[in-house]
Protein backbone atom coordinates (compact mmCIF):
# COMPACT_ATOMS: atom_id res chain seq x y z
CA MET A 1 10.68 56.70 28.60
CA HIS A 2 12.40 53.35 29.05
CA HIS A 3 15.29 52.73 31.36
CA GLN A 4 17.83 49.99 30.79
CA SER A 5 18.14 47.08 33.22
CA SER A 6 21.56 46.41 34.66
CA LEU A 7 20.97 42.64 34.28
CA SER A 8 22.25 40.76 31.28
CA PRO A 9 19.66 39.58 28.69
CA ALA A 10 20.14 35.97 29.91
CA LYS A 11 18.93 36.97 33.37
CA ARG A 12 15.82 38.78 32.16
CA GLY A 13 12.37 37.12 32.25
CA ALA A 14 10.25 38.00 35.27
CA GLN A 15 7.94 40.79 34.29
CA ASP A 16 8.79 44.24 35.54
CA TRP A 17 5.24 45.62 35.91
CA GLY A 18 6.22 49.21 35.41
CA ASN A 19 7.54 48.99 31.87
CA GLY A 20 6.61 45.49 30.63
CA ARG A 21 10.15 44.15 30.72
CA HIS A 22 11.10 40.69 32.06
CA ILE A 23 13.77 39.89 34.60
CA ILE A 24 14.94 36.39 35.57
CA LEU A 25 17.14 36.10 38.58
CA SER A 26 19.66 33.30 38.63
CA SER A 27 19.55 30.82 41.48
CA LYS A 28 22.60 32.54 42.94
CA GLU A 29 20.70 35.82 43.13
CA CYS A 30 17.58 34.34 44.84
CA ASP A 31 16.59 35.22 48.36
CA CYS A 32 18.18 32.43 50.44
CA ASP A 33 16.24 33.35 53.57
CA PHE A 34 12.96 32.77 51.72
CA HIS A 35 14.12 29.32 50.58
CA LYS A 36 15.28 28.42 54.09
CA LYS A 37 11.90 29.45 55.49
CA MET A 38 10.05 27.46 52.82
CA LYS A 39 12.19 24.38 53.50
CA ALA A 40 11.49 24.71 57.24
CA ILE A 41 7.75 25.06 56.62
CA LEU A 42 7.84 22.07 54.27
CA ALA A 43 9.72 20.00 56.86
CA VAL A 44 7.16 20.91 59.54
CA LEU A 45 4.28 20.04 57.22
CA ILE A 46 5.88 16.68 56.35
CA ILE A 47 6.30 15.89 60.06
CA VAL A 48 2.69 16.86 60.79
CA VAL A 49 1.36 14.74 57.90
CA ALA A 50 3.55 11.79 58.96
CA PHE A 51 2.25 12.08 62.54
CA LEU A 52 -1.36 12.26 61.37
CA GLN A 53 -0.87 9.29 59.05
CA TYR A 54 0.64 7.29 61.90
CA ARG A 55 -2.34 8.11 64.13
CA LEU A 56 -4.76 7.35 61.30
CA TRP A 57 -3.38 3.84 60.75
CA PHE A 58 -1.73 2.66 63.96
CA ALA A 59 -3.28 4.45 66.95
CA ASP A 60 -5.79 2.76 69.27
CA ASP A 61 -8.58 4.53 67.40
CA GLY A 62 -6.98 4.14 63.95
CA LEU A 63 -8.13 2.32 60.83
CA ILE A 64 -6.34 -0.97 61.53
CA GLN A 65 -7.97 -1.19 64.96
CA SER A 66 -11.30 -0.23 63.42
CA PHE A 67 -11.07 -3.05 60.84
CA ARG A 68 -10.16 -5.54 63.59
CA VAL A 69 -13.07 -4.47 65.79
CA LYS A 70 -15.51 -4.67 62.85
CA GLY A 71 -14.38 -8.26 62.22
CA GLU A 72 -14.85 -9.11 65.90
CA MET A 73 -18.33 -7.54 65.79
CA ARG A 74 -19.33 -9.69 62.79
CA ALA A 75 -18.13 -12.85 64.58
CA GLN A 76 -19.97 -11.87 67.77
CA LYS A 77 -23.18 -11.14 65.85
CA ALA A 78 -23.01 -14.62 64.30
CA LYS A 79 -22.59 -16.18 67.78
CA ASN A 80 -25.46 -14.07 69.09
CA ASN A 81 -27.72 -15.27 66.27
CA GLU A 82 -26.89 -18.91 67.13
CA ILE A 83 -27.72 -18.26 70.77
CA ILE A 84 -31.01 -16.55 69.84
CA VAL A 85 -32.07 -19.55 67.75
CA ASN A 86 -31.18 -21.91 70.62
CA ASN A 87 -33.01 -19.73 73.15
CA ASN A 88 -36.13 -19.64 70.96
CA ALA A 89 -36.11 -23.45 70.77
CA LEU A 90 -35.79 -23.69 74.55
CA VAL A 91 -38.61 -21.18 75.11
CA SER A 92 -40.79 -23.20 72.76
CA GLU A 93 -39.99 -26.40 74.68
CA ILE A 94 -40.70 -24.73 78.03
CA ASP A 95 -44.06 -23.48 76.75
CA SER A 96 -45.03 -26.95 75.54
CA LEU A 97 -43.99 -28.48 78.89
CA LYS A 98 -46.07 -25.92 80.80
CA LYS A 99 -49.18 -26.37 78.65
CA GLY A 100 -49.43 -30.06 77.94
CA GLY A 101 -48.98 -33.27 79.85
CA GLU A 102 -48.16 -35.05 76.60
CA ALA A 103 -44.89 -33.13 76.23
CA ILE A 104 -43.93 -34.01 79.81
CA GLU A 105 -44.76 -37.67 79.18
CA ASN A 106 -42.68 -37.74 75.98
CA ARG A 107 -39.78 -36.10 77.78
CA ALA A 108 -39.97 -38.61 80.64
CA ARG A 109 -40.12 -41.56 78.25
CA ASN A 110 -37.30 -40.41 75.94
CA ASP A 111 -34.88 -38.82 78.40
CA LEU A 112 -35.49 -40.83 81.57
CA GLY A 113 -36.63 -44.18 80.14
CA MET A 114 -39.86 -44.18 82.18
CA VAL A 115 -42.80 -46.49 81.30
CA LYS A 116 -46.46 -46.59 82.37
CA LYS A 117 -47.92 -49.33 84.50
CA GLY A 118 -48.62 -52.38 82.41
CA GLU A 119 -46.25 -51.36 79.58
CA VAL A 120 -43.24 -53.39 78.57
CA PHE A 121 -40.11 -51.61 77.43
CA TYR A 122 -38.07 -53.21 74.67
CA GLN A 123 -34.67 -51.77 73.77
CA VAL A 124 -33.39 -52.53 70.29
CA VAL A 125 -29.61 -52.54 69.96
CA ARG A 126 -28.15 -51.90 66.54
């Protein structure tokens, strides 16, 4: 037993599960409350995504700040490596000054211009 739909054939299309017929509702016949709710939900989701994107890129803990801090860290590590090399050279010099009189003598001669008794110092000017 088939019953006839009151809709015109142009408006048919969505399947009526009971008898296998199709019904298409025109946009004028759609549930406007459903569309209003969906638009409101979409608007809220867009606002939430925009807020999260803003925080992701521009907040104090965002990606831009993260990239800047990583660059600062690389620069600081390079400075630290220079300082470590300089410190190692100074430690080596201190050790040689503590252990040997020859290092002290060389330092006194070169830095302070000291000479031993009986030596003559000649300075060559270029």
